[in-house]
ModelCIF file with pLDDT and N, C-alpha, C, O atoms, coordinates in Angstrom:
data_MODEL
#
_entry.id   MODEL 
#
_entity.id                         1 
_entity.type                       polymer 
_entity.pdbx_number_of_molecules   1 
#
_entity_poly.entity_id                      1 
_entity_poly.type                           'polypeptide(L)' 
_entity_poly.nstd_linkage                   no 
_entity_poly.nstd_monomer                   no 
_entity_poly.pdbx_seq_one_letter_code       FGMTGWTIPPNSQGYLTLACCRIAEMLGVDRSMTDASWHTQIE 
_entity_poly.pdbx_seq_one_letter_code_can   FGMTGWTIPPNSQGYLTLACCRIAEMLGVDRSMTDASWHTQIE 
_entity_poly.pdbx_strand_id                 A 
#
loop_
_entity_poly_seq.entity_id 
_entity_poly_seq.num 
_entity_poly_seq.mon_id 
_entity_poly_seq.hetero 
1 1  PHE n 
1 2  GLY n 
1 3  MET n 
1 4  THR n 
1 5  GLY n 
1 6  TRP n 
1 7  THR n 
1 8  ILE n 
1 9  PRO n 
1 10 PRO n 
1 11 ASN n 
1 12 SER n 
1 13 GLN n 
1 14 GLY n 
1 15 TYR n 
1 16 LEU n 
1 17 THR n 
1 18 LEU n 
1 19 ALA n 
1 20 CYS n 
1 21 CYS n 
1 22 ARG n 
1 23 ILE n 
1 24 ALA n 
1 25 GLU n 
1 26 MET n 
1 27 LEU n 
1 28 GLY n 
1 29 VAL n 
1 30 ASP n 
1 31 ARG n 
1 32 SER n 
1 33 MET n 
1 34 THR n 
1 35 ASP n 
1 36 ALA n 
1 37 SER n 
1 38 TRP n 
1 39 HIS n 
1 40 THR n 
1 41 GLN n 
1 42 ILE n 
1 43 GLU n 
#
_struct_asym.id          A 
_struct_asym.entity_id   1 
#
loop_
_ma_qa_metric.id 
_ma_qa_metric.mode 
_ma_qa_metric.name 
_ma_qa_metric.software_group_id 
_ma_qa_metric.type 
1 global pLDDT . pLDDT 
2 local  pLDDT . pLDDT 
#
_ma_qa_metric_global.metric_id      1 
_ma_qa_metric_global.metric_value   94.67 
_ma_qa_metric_global.model_id       1 
_ma_qa_metric_global.ordinal_id     1 
#
loop_
_ma_qa_metric_local.label_asym_id 
_ma_qa_metric_local.label_comp_id 
_ma_qa_metric_local.label_seq_id 
_ma_qa_metric_local.metric_id 
_ma_qa_metric_local.metric_value 
_ma_qa_metric_local.model_id 
_ma_qa_metric_local.ordinal_id 
A PHE 1  2 95.00 1 1  
A GLY 2  2 94.00 1 2  
A MET 3  2 96.00 1 3  
A THR 4  2 98.00 1 4  
A GLY 5  2 98.00 1 5  
A TRP 6  2 98.00 1 6  
A THR 7  2 98.00 1 7  
A ILE 8  2 97.00 1 8  
A PRO 9  2 97.00 1 9  
A PRO 10 2 97.00 1 10 
A ASN 11 2 96.00 1 11 
A SER 12 2 96.00 1 12 
A GLN 13 2 95.00 1 13 
A GLY 14 2 96.00 1 14 
A TYR 15 2 97.00 1 15 
A LEU 16 2 97.00 1 16 
A THR 17 2 97.00 1 17 
A LEU 18 2 98.00 1 18 
A ALA 19 2 97.00 1 19 
A CYS 20 2 97.00 1 20 
A CYS 21 2 97.00 1 21 
A ARG 22 2 98.00 1 22 
A ILE 23 2 97.00 1 23 
A ALA 24 2 96.00 1 24 
A GLU 25 2 96.00 1 25 
A MET 26 2 96.00 1 26 
A LEU 27 2 95.00 1 27 
A GLY 28 2 92.00 1 28 
A VAL 29 2 88.00 1 29 
A ASP 30 2 81.00 1 30 
A ARG 31 2 81.00 1 31 
A SER 32 2 81.00 1 32 
A MET 33 2 88.00 1 33 
A THR 34 2 93.00 1 34 
A ASP 35 2 95.00 1 35 
A ALA 36 2 95.00 1 36 
A SER 37 2 95.00 1 37 
A TRP 38 2 96.00 1 38 
A HIS 39 2 96.00 1 39 
A THR 40 2 96.00 1 40 
A GLN 41 2 96.00 1 41 
A ILE 42 2 95.00 1 42 
A GLU 43 2 94.00 1 43 
#
loop_
_atom_site.group_PDB 
_atom_site.id 
_atom_site.type_symbol 
_atom_site.label_atom_id 
_atom_site.label_alt_id 
_atom_site.label_comp_id 
_atom_site.label_asym_id 
_atom_site.label_entity_id 
_atom_site.label_seq_id 
_atom_site.pdbx_PDB_ins_code 
_atom_site.Cartn_x 
_atom_site.Cartn_y 
_atom_site.Cartn_z 
_atom_site.occupancy 
_atom_site.B_iso_or_equiv 
_atom_site.pdbx_formal_charge 
_atom_site.auth_seq_id 
_atom_site.auth_comp_id 
_atom_site.auth_asym_id 
_atom_site.auth_atom_id 
_atom_site.pdbx_PDB_model_num 
ATOM 1   N N  . PHE A 1 1  ? -93.278 -39.267 -54.816 1.00 95.00 ? 1  PHE A N  1 
ATOM 2   C CA . PHE A 1 1  ? -92.946 -38.336 -55.774 1.00 95.00 ? 1  PHE A CA 1 
ATOM 3   C C  . PHE A 1 1  ? -93.876 -38.510 -56.915 1.00 95.00 ? 1  PHE A C  1 
ATOM 4   O O  . PHE A 1 1  ? -93.525 -38.324 -58.079 1.00 95.00 ? 1  PHE A O  1 
ATOM 5   N N  . GLY A 1 2  ? -95.131 -38.889 -56.544 1.00 94.00 ? 2  GLY A N  1 
ATOM 6   C CA . GLY A 1 2  ? -96.251 -39.372 -58.042 1.00 94.00 ? 2  GLY A CA 1 
ATOM 7   C C  . GLY A 1 2  ? -95.442 -40.307 -58.600 1.00 94.00 ? 2  GLY A C  1 
ATOM 8   O O  . GLY A 1 2  ? -95.467 -40.213 -59.827 1.00 94.00 ? 2  GLY A O  1 
ATOM 9   N N  . MET A 1 3  ? -94.742 -41.160 -58.207 1.00 96.00 ? 3  MET A N  1 
ATOM 10  C CA . MET A 1 3  ? -94.519 -42.571 -58.413 1.00 96.00 ? 3  MET A CA 1 
ATOM 11  C C  . MET A 1 3  ? -94.743 -43.639 -57.795 1.00 96.00 ? 3  MET A C  1 
ATOM 12  O O  . MET A 1 3  ? -95.482 -43.406 -56.838 1.00 96.00 ? 3  MET A O  1 
ATOM 13  N N  . THR A 1 4  ? -94.420 -44.871 -57.887 1.00 98.00 ? 4  THR A N  1 
ATOM 14  C CA . THR A 1 4  ? -94.220 -45.912 -56.784 1.00 98.00 ? 4  THR A CA 1 
ATOM 15  C C  . THR A 1 4  ? -92.961 -46.397 -56.577 1.00 98.00 ? 4  THR A C  1 
ATOM 16  O O  . THR A 1 4  ? -92.506 -46.802 -57.647 1.00 98.00 ? 4  THR A O  1 
ATOM 17  N N  . GLY A 1 5  ? -92.053 -46.559 -55.495 1.00 98.00 ? 5  GLY A N  1 
ATOM 18  C CA . GLY A 1 5  ? -91.067 -46.634 -55.472 1.00 98.00 ? 5  GLY A CA 1 
ATOM 19  C C  . GLY A 1 5  ? -90.946 -48.553 -55.017 1.00 98.00 ? 5  GLY A C  1 
ATOM 20  O O  . GLY A 1 5  ? -91.870 -48.988 -54.329 1.00 98.00 ? 5  GLY A O  1 
ATOM 21  N N  . TRP A 1 6  ? -90.262 -49.150 -55.272 1.00 98.00 ? 6  TRP A N  1 
ATOM 22  C CA . TRP A 1 6  ? -90.167 -50.974 -55.039 1.00 98.00 ? 6  TRP A CA 1 
ATOM 23  C C  . TRP A 1 6  ? -88.768 -51.132 -54.405 1.00 98.00 ? 6  TRP A C  1 
ATOM 24  O O  . TRP A 1 6  ? -87.704 -50.597 -54.717 1.00 98.00 ? 6  TRP A O  1 
ATOM 25  N N  . THR A 1 7  ? -89.064 -52.013 -53.429 1.00 98.00 ? 7  THR A N  1 
ATOM 26  C CA . THR A 1 7  ? -87.653 -52.542 -53.029 1.00 98.00 ? 7  THR A CA 1 
ATOM 27  C C  . THR A 1 7  ? -88.015 -53.831 -52.445 1.00 98.00 ? 7  THR A C  1 
ATOM 28  O O  . THR A 1 7  ? -89.144 -54.321 -52.464 1.00 98.00 ? 7  THR A O  1 
ATOM 29  N N  . ILE A 1 8  ? -86.863 -54.391 -51.873 1.00 97.00 ? 8  ILE A N  1 
ATOM 30  C CA . ILE A 1 8  ? -86.752 -56.156 -51.160 1.00 97.00 ? 8  ILE A CA 1 
ATOM 31  C C  . ILE A 1 8  ? -87.357 -55.779 -49.871 1.00 97.00 ? 8  ILE A C  1 
ATOM 32  O O  . ILE A 1 8  ? -86.984 -54.761 -49.288 1.00 97.00 ? 8  ILE A O  1 
ATOM 33  N N  . PRO A 1 9  ? -88.182 -56.475 -49.445 1.00 97.00 ? 9  PRO A N  1 
ATOM 34  C CA . PRO A 1 9  ? -88.496 -56.427 -47.722 1.00 97.00 ? 9  PRO A CA 1 
ATOM 35  C C  . PRO A 1 9  ? -87.317 -57.043 -46.878 1.00 97.00 ? 9  PRO A C  1 
ATOM 36  O O  . PRO A 1 9  ? -86.261 -57.370 -47.420 1.00 97.00 ? 9  PRO A O  1 
ATOM 37  N N  . PRO A 1 10 ? -87.517 -57.170 -45.678 1.00 97.00 ? 10 PRO A N  1 
ATOM 38  C CA . PRO A 1 10 ? -86.653 -57.585 -44.775 1.00 97.00 ? 10 PRO A CA 1 
ATOM 39  C C  . PRO A 1 10 ? -86.445 -59.427 -45.026 1.00 97.00 ? 10 PRO A C  1 
ATOM 40  O O  . PRO A 1 10 ? -87.378 -60.226 -45.110 1.00 97.00 ? 10 PRO A O  1 
ATOM 41  N N  . ASN A 1 11 ? -85.210 -59.702 -45.093 1.00 96.00 ? 11 ASN A N  1 
ATOM 42  C CA . ASN A 1 11 ? -84.266 -59.285 -44.299 1.00 96.00 ? 11 ASN A CA 1 
ATOM 43  C C  . ASN A 1 11 ? -83.204 -57.838 -45.113 1.00 96.00 ? 11 ASN A C  1 
ATOM 44  O O  . ASN A 1 11 ? -82.298 -57.257 -44.515 1.00 96.00 ? 11 ASN A O  1 
ATOM 45  N N  . SER A 1 12 ? -83.607 -57.563 -46.435 1.00 96.00 ? 12 SER A N  1 
ATOM 46  C CA . SER A 1 12 ? -83.102 -56.478 -46.668 1.00 96.00 ? 12 SER A CA 1 
ATOM 47  C C  . SER A 1 12 ? -83.429 -55.103 -45.895 1.00 96.00 ? 12 SER A C  1 
ATOM 48  O O  . SER A 1 12 ? -84.522 -54.980 -45.342 1.00 96.00 ? 12 SER A O  1 
ATOM 49  N N  . GLN A 1 13 ? -82.383 -53.971 -45.857 1.00 95.00 ? 13 GLN A N  1 
ATOM 50  C CA . GLN A 1 13 ? -82.667 -52.847 -45.350 1.00 95.00 ? 13 GLN A CA 1 
ATOM 51  C C  . GLN A 1 13 ? -83.134 -51.745 -46.594 1.00 95.00 ? 13 GLN A C  1 
ATOM 52  O O  . GLN A 1 13 ? -82.906 -50.536 -46.558 1.00 95.00 ? 13 GLN A O  1 
ATOM 53  N N  . GLY A 1 14 ? -83.766 -52.395 -47.581 1.00 96.00 ? 14 GLY A N  1 
ATOM 54  C CA . GLY A 1 14 ? -84.174 -51.330 -48.508 1.00 96.00 ? 14 GLY A CA 1 
ATOM 55  C C  . GLY A 1 14 ? -85.561 -50.462 -48.009 1.00 96.00 ? 14 GLY A C  1 
ATOM 56  O O  . GLY A 1 14 ? -85.759 -49.350 -48.497 1.00 96.00 ? 14 GLY A O  1 
ATOM 57  N N  . TYR A 1 15 ? -86.335 -50.932 -47.193 1.00 97.00 ? 15 TYR A N  1 
ATOM 58  C CA . TYR A 1 15 ? -87.153 -49.652 -46.701 1.00 97.00 ? 15 TYR A CA 1 
ATOM 59  C C  . TYR A 1 15 ? -86.819 -48.800 -46.599 1.00 97.00 ? 15 TYR A C  1 
ATOM 60  O O  . TYR A 1 15 ? -87.470 -47.867 -47.069 1.00 97.00 ? 15 TYR A O  1 
ATOM 61  N N  . LEU A 1 16 ? -85.572 -48.552 -45.912 1.00 97.00 ? 16 LEU A N  1 
ATOM 62  C CA . LEU A 1 16 ? -84.849 -47.250 -45.552 1.00 97.00 ? 16 LEU A CA 1 
ATOM 63  C C  . LEU A 1 16 ? -85.040 -46.239 -46.115 1.00 97.00 ? 16 LEU A C  1 
ATOM 64  O O  . LEU A 1 16 ? -85.356 -45.134 -45.675 1.00 97.00 ? 16 LEU A O  1 
ATOM 65  N N  . THR A 1 17 ? -84.748 -46.780 -47.682 1.00 97.00 ? 17 THR A N  1 
ATOM 66  C CA . THR A 1 17 ? -84.937 -45.369 -48.766 1.00 97.00 ? 17 THR A CA 1 
ATOM 67  C C  . THR A 1 17 ? -86.337 -44.968 -49.217 1.00 97.00 ? 17 THR A C  1 
ATOM 68  O O  . THR A 1 17 ? -86.713 -43.853 -49.578 1.00 97.00 ? 17 THR A O  1 
ATOM 69  N N  . LEU A 1 18 ? -87.029 -46.095 -49.123 1.00 98.00 ? 18 LEU A N  1 
ATOM 70  C CA . LEU A 1 18 ? -88.446 -45.527 -49.617 1.00 98.00 ? 18 LEU A CA 1 
ATOM 71  C C  . LEU A 1 18 ? -89.294 -44.907 -48.351 1.00 98.00 ? 18 LEU A C  1 
ATOM 72  O O  . LEU A 1 18 ? -90.381 -44.355 -48.521 1.00 98.00 ? 18 LEU A O  1 
ATOM 73  N N  . ALA A 1 19 ? -88.696 -45.056 -47.102 1.00 97.00 ? 19 ALA A N  1 
ATOM 74  C CA . ALA A 1 19 ? -89.285 -44.480 -45.681 1.00 97.00 ? 19 ALA A CA 1 
ATOM 75  C C  . ALA A 1 19 ? -88.826 -43.261 -45.733 1.00 97.00 ? 19 ALA A C  1 
ATOM 76  O O  . ALA A 1 19 ? -89.539 -42.275 -45.547 1.00 97.00 ? 19 ALA A O  1 
ATOM 77  N N  . CYS A 1 20 ? -87.526 -43.215 -46.003 1.00 97.00 ? 20 CYS A N  1 
ATOM 78  C CA . CYS A 1 20 ? -86.752 -41.674 -45.682 1.00 97.00 ? 20 CYS A CA 1 
ATOM 79  C C  . CYS A 1 20 ? -87.366 -40.237 -46.987 1.00 97.00 ? 20 CYS A C  1 
ATOM 80  O O  . CYS A 1 20 ? -87.564 -39.030 -46.846 1.00 97.00 ? 20 CYS A O  1 
ATOM 81  N N  . CYS A 1 21 ? -87.499 -41.300 -48.315 1.00 97.00 ? 21 CYS A N  1 
ATOM 82  C CA . CYS A 1 21 ? -88.257 -40.706 -49.217 1.00 97.00 ? 21 CYS A CA 1 
ATOM 83  C C  . CYS A 1 21 ? -89.569 -39.920 -48.656 1.00 97.00 ? 21 CYS A C  1 
ATOM 84  O O  . CYS A 1 21 ? -89.814 -38.714 -48.666 1.00 97.00 ? 21 CYS A O  1 
ATOM 85  N N  . ARG A 1 22 ? -90.219 -40.866 -48.231 1.00 98.00 ? 22 ARG A N  1 
ATOM 86  C CA . ARG A 1 22 ? -91.919 -40.563 -47.801 1.00 98.00 ? 22 ARG A CA 1 
ATOM 87  C C  . ARG A 1 22 ? -91.782 -39.327 -46.469 1.00 98.00 ? 22 ARG A C  1 
ATOM 88  O O  . ARG A 1 22 ? -92.512 -38.348 -46.315 1.00 98.00 ? 22 ARG A O  1 
ATOM 89  N N  . ILE A 1 23 ? -90.934 -39.634 -45.854 1.00 97.00 ? 23 ILE A N  1 
ATOM 90  C CA . ILE A 1 23 ? -90.313 -38.593 -44.669 1.00 97.00 ? 23 ILE A CA 1 
ATOM 91  C C  . ILE A 1 23 ? -90.174 -37.316 -45.299 1.00 97.00 ? 23 ILE A C  1 
ATOM 92  O O  . ILE A 1 23 ? -90.687 -36.261 -44.925 1.00 97.00 ? 23 ILE A O  1 
ATOM 93  N N  . ALA A 1 24 ? -89.240 -37.555 -46.550 1.00 96.00 ? 24 ALA A N  1 
ATOM 94  C CA . ALA A 1 24 ? -88.517 -35.792 -47.014 1.00 96.00 ? 24 ALA A CA 1 
ATOM 95  C C  . ALA A 1 24 ? -90.007 -35.243 -47.782 1.00 96.00 ? 24 ALA A C  1 
ATOM 96  O O  . ALA A 1 24 ? -90.284 -34.044 -47.755 1.00 96.00 ? 24 ALA A O  1 
ATOM 97  N N  . GLU A 1 25 ? -91.004 -36.348 -48.523 1.00 96.00 ? 25 GLU A N  1 
ATOM 98  C CA . GLU A 1 25 ? -92.119 -36.000 -48.959 1.00 96.00 ? 25 GLU A CA 1 
ATOM 99  C C  . GLU A 1 25 ? -92.996 -34.977 -48.061 1.00 96.00 ? 25 GLU A C  1 
ATOM 100 O O  . GLU A 1 25 ? -93.258 -33.794 -48.280 1.00 96.00 ? 25 GLU A O  1 
ATOM 101 N N  . MET A 1 26 ? -93.431 -35.963 -46.784 1.00 96.00 ? 26 MET A N  1 
ATOM 102 C CA . MET A 1 26 ? -94.153 -34.785 -45.651 1.00 96.00 ? 26 MET A CA 1 
ATOM 103 C C  . MET A 1 26 ? -93.643 -33.880 -45.298 1.00 96.00 ? 26 MET A C  1 
ATOM 104 O O  . MET A 1 26 ? -94.329 -32.910 -44.979 1.00 96.00 ? 26 MET A O  1 
ATOM 105 N N  . LEU A 1 27 ? -92.396 -33.837 -45.224 1.00 95.00 ? 27 LEU A N  1 
ATOM 106 C CA . LEU A 1 27 ? -91.676 -32.318 -44.734 1.00 95.00 ? 27 LEU A CA 1 
ATOM 107 C C  . LEU A 1 27 ? -91.678 -31.213 -45.611 1.00 95.00 ? 27 LEU A C  1 
ATOM 108 O O  . LEU A 1 27 ? -91.684 -30.048 -45.212 1.00 95.00 ? 27 LEU A O  1 
ATOM 109 N N  . GLY A 1 28 ? -91.672 -31.648 -47.130 1.00 92.00 ? 28 GLY A N  1 
ATOM 110 C CA . GLY A 1 28 ? -91.493 -30.825 -48.460 1.00 92.00 ? 28 GLY A CA 1 
ATOM 111 C C  . GLY A 1 28 ? -90.233 -30.553 -48.604 1.00 92.00 ? 28 GLY A C  1 
ATOM 112 O O  . GLY A 1 28 ? -89.739 -29.462 -48.320 1.00 92.00 ? 28 GLY A O  1 
ATOM 113 N N  . VAL A 1 29 ? -89.545 -31.634 -49.107 1.00 88.00 ? 29 VAL A N  1 
ATOM 114 C CA . VAL A 1 29 ? -87.944 -31.646 -49.142 1.00 88.00 ? 29 VAL A CA 1 
ATOM 115 C C  . VAL A 1 29 ? -87.498 -30.455 -50.402 1.00 88.00 ? 29 VAL A C  1 
ATOM 116 O O  . VAL A 1 29 ? -88.478 -30.166 -51.089 1.00 88.00 ? 29 VAL A O  1 
ATOM 117 N N  . ASP A 1 30 ? -86.631 -29.965 -50.679 1.00 81.00 ? 30 ASP A N  1 
ATOM 118 C CA . ASP A 1 30 ? -86.556 -28.404 -51.216 1.00 81.00 ? 30 ASP A CA 1 
ATOM 119 C C  . ASP A 1 30 ? -86.017 -28.980 -52.663 1.00 81.00 ? 30 ASP A C  1 
ATOM 120 O O  . ASP A 1 30 ? -85.309 -29.981 -52.776 1.00 81.00 ? 30 ASP A O  1 
ATOM 121 N N  . ARG A 1 31 ? -86.418 -28.277 -53.589 1.00 81.00 ? 31 ARG A N  1 
ATOM 122 C CA . ARG A 1 31 ? -85.898 -29.065 -54.902 1.00 81.00 ? 31 ARG A CA 1 
ATOM 123 C C  . ARG A 1 31 ? -84.729 -28.605 -55.403 1.00 81.00 ? 31 ARG A C  1 
ATOM 124 O O  . ARG A 1 31 ? -84.316 -29.044 -56.476 1.00 81.00 ? 31 ARG A O  1 
ATOM 125 N N  . SER A 1 32 ? -84.054 -27.682 -54.712 1.00 81.00 ? 32 SER A N  1 
ATOM 126 C CA . SER A 1 32 ? -82.837 -27.148 -54.740 1.00 81.00 ? 32 SER A CA 1 
ATOM 127 C C  . SER A 1 32 ? -81.772 -27.510 -53.670 1.00 81.00 ? 32 SER A C  1 
ATOM 128 O O  . SER A 1 32 ? -82.063 -27.869 -52.529 1.00 81.00 ? 32 SER A O  1 
ATOM 129 N N  . MET A 1 33 ? -80.682 -27.399 -54.085 1.00 88.00 ? 33 MET A N  1 
ATOM 130 C CA . MET A 1 33 ? -79.646 -27.622 -53.224 1.00 88.00 ? 33 MET A CA 1 
ATOM 131 C C  . MET A 1 33 ? -79.301 -26.704 -51.898 1.00 88.00 ? 33 MET A C  1 
ATOM 132 O O  . MET A 1 33 ? -78.305 -25.989 -51.797 1.00 88.00 ? 33 MET A O  1 
ATOM 133 N N  . THR A 1 34 ? -79.982 -26.816 -51.237 1.00 93.00 ? 34 THR A N  1 
ATOM 134 C CA . THR A 1 34 ? -80.382 -25.934 -49.901 1.00 93.00 ? 34 THR A CA 1 
ATOM 135 C C  . THR A 1 34 ? -79.665 -26.671 -48.425 1.00 93.00 ? 34 THR A C  1 
ATOM 136 O O  . THR A 1 34 ? -79.548 -27.897 -48.405 1.00 93.00 ? 34 THR A O  1 
ATOM 137 N N  . ASP A 1 35 ? -79.332 -26.064 -47.547 1.00 95.00 ? 35 ASP A N  1 
ATOM 138 C CA . ASP A 1 35 ? -79.072 -26.493 -46.261 1.00 95.00 ? 35 ASP A CA 1 
ATOM 139 C C  . ASP A 1 35 ? -80.311 -27.083 -45.687 1.00 95.00 ? 35 ASP A C  1 
ATOM 140 O O  . ASP A 1 35 ? -80.230 -28.069 -44.953 1.00 95.00 ? 35 ASP A O  1 
ATOM 141 N N  . ALA A 1 36 ? -81.582 -26.472 -46.013 1.00 95.00 ? 36 ALA A N  1 
ATOM 142 C CA . ALA A 1 36 ? -82.731 -26.807 -45.647 1.00 95.00 ? 36 ALA A CA 1 
ATOM 143 C C  . ALA A 1 36 ? -83.332 -28.356 -46.184 1.00 95.00 ? 36 ALA A C  1 
ATOM 144 O O  . ALA A 1 36 ? -83.985 -29.193 -45.562 1.00 95.00 ? 36 ALA A O  1 
ATOM 145 N N  . SER A 1 37 ? -82.821 -28.361 -47.610 1.00 95.00 ? 37 SER A N  1 
ATOM 146 C CA . SER A 1 37 ? -83.220 -29.612 -48.002 1.00 95.00 ? 37 SER A CA 1 
ATOM 147 C C  . SER A 1 37 ? -82.151 -30.808 -47.550 1.00 95.00 ? 37 SER A C  1 
ATOM 148 O O  . SER A 1 37 ? -82.525 -31.980 -47.555 1.00 95.00 ? 37 SER A O  1 
ATOM 149 N N  . TRP A 1 38 ? -81.123 -30.529 -47.253 1.00 96.00 ? 38 TRP A N  1 
ATOM 150 C CA . TRP A 1 38 ? -80.208 -31.662 -46.937 1.00 96.00 ? 38 TRP A CA 1 
ATOM 151 C C  . TRP A 1 38 ? -80.211 -31.692 -45.266 1.00 96.00 ? 38 TRP A C  1 
ATOM 152 O O  . TRP A 1 38 ? -79.815 -32.766 -44.813 1.00 96.00 ? 38 TRP A O  1 
ATOM 153 N N  . HIS A 1 39 ? -80.514 -30.896 -44.481 1.00 96.00 ? 39 HIS A N  1 
ATOM 154 C CA . HIS A 1 39 ? -80.987 -31.026 -43.207 1.00 96.00 ? 39 HIS A CA 1 
ATOM 155 C C  . HIS A 1 39 ? -82.539 -32.063 -43.203 1.00 96.00 ? 39 HIS A C  1 
ATOM 156 O O  . HIS A 1 39 ? -82.638 -32.759 -42.192 1.00 96.00 ? 39 HIS A O  1 
ATOM 157 N N  . THR A 1 40 ? -83.286 -32.149 -43.865 1.00 96.00 ? 40 THR A N  1 
ATOM 158 C CA . THR A 1 40 ? -84.675 -32.780 -43.891 1.00 96.00 ? 40 THR A CA 1 
ATOM 159 C C  . THR A 1 40 ? -83.766 -34.263 -44.524 1.00 96.00 ? 40 THR A C  1 
ATOM 160 O O  . THR A 1 40 ? -83.760 -35.207 -43.734 1.00 96.00 ? 40 THR A O  1 
ATOM 161 N N  . GLN A 1 41 ? -83.422 -34.366 -45.154 1.00 96.00 ? 41 GLN A N  1 
ATOM 162 C CA . GLN A 1 41 ? -83.137 -35.560 -45.658 1.00 96.00 ? 41 GLN A CA 1 
ATOM 163 C C  . GLN A 1 41 ? -82.239 -36.132 -44.894 1.00 96.00 ? 41 GLN A C  1 
ATOM 164 O O  . GLN A 1 41 ? -82.411 -37.349 -44.825 1.00 96.00 ? 41 GLN A O  1 
ATOM 165 N N  . ILE A 1 42 ? -81.154 -35.647 -44.160 1.00 95.00 ? 42 ILE A N  1 
ATOM 166 C CA . ILE A 1 42 ? -80.406 -36.464 -43.000 1.00 95.00 ? 42 ILE A CA 1 
ATOM 167 C C  . ILE A 1 42 ? -81.174 -36.714 -42.050 1.00 95.00 ? 42 ILE A C  1 
ATOM 168 O O  . ILE A 1 42 ? -81.436 -37.870 -41.719 1.00 95.00 ? 42 ILE A O  1 
ATOM 169 N N  . GLU A 1 43 ? -81.685 -35.607 -41.425 1.00 94.00 ? 43 GLU A N  1 
ATOM 170 C CA . GLU A 1 43 ? -82.558 -36.157 -40.163 1.00 94.00 ? 43 GLU A CA 1 
ATOM 171 C C  . GLU A 1 43 ? -83.745 -37.301 -40.382 1.00 94.00 ? 43 GLU A C  1 
ATOM 172 O O  . GLU A 1 43 ? -84.396 -37.707 -39.420 1.00 94.00 ? 43 GLU A O  1 
#
């Protein structure tokens, strides 16, 4: 999202936050509260 996200590497599950954000970014997550945006984030 134009920044750099940082977290703790394993044994923390923190990578999931950054990886989910990256997939959402790749798929073009909607800026608004829509079912398309939520579906992308959930999946």
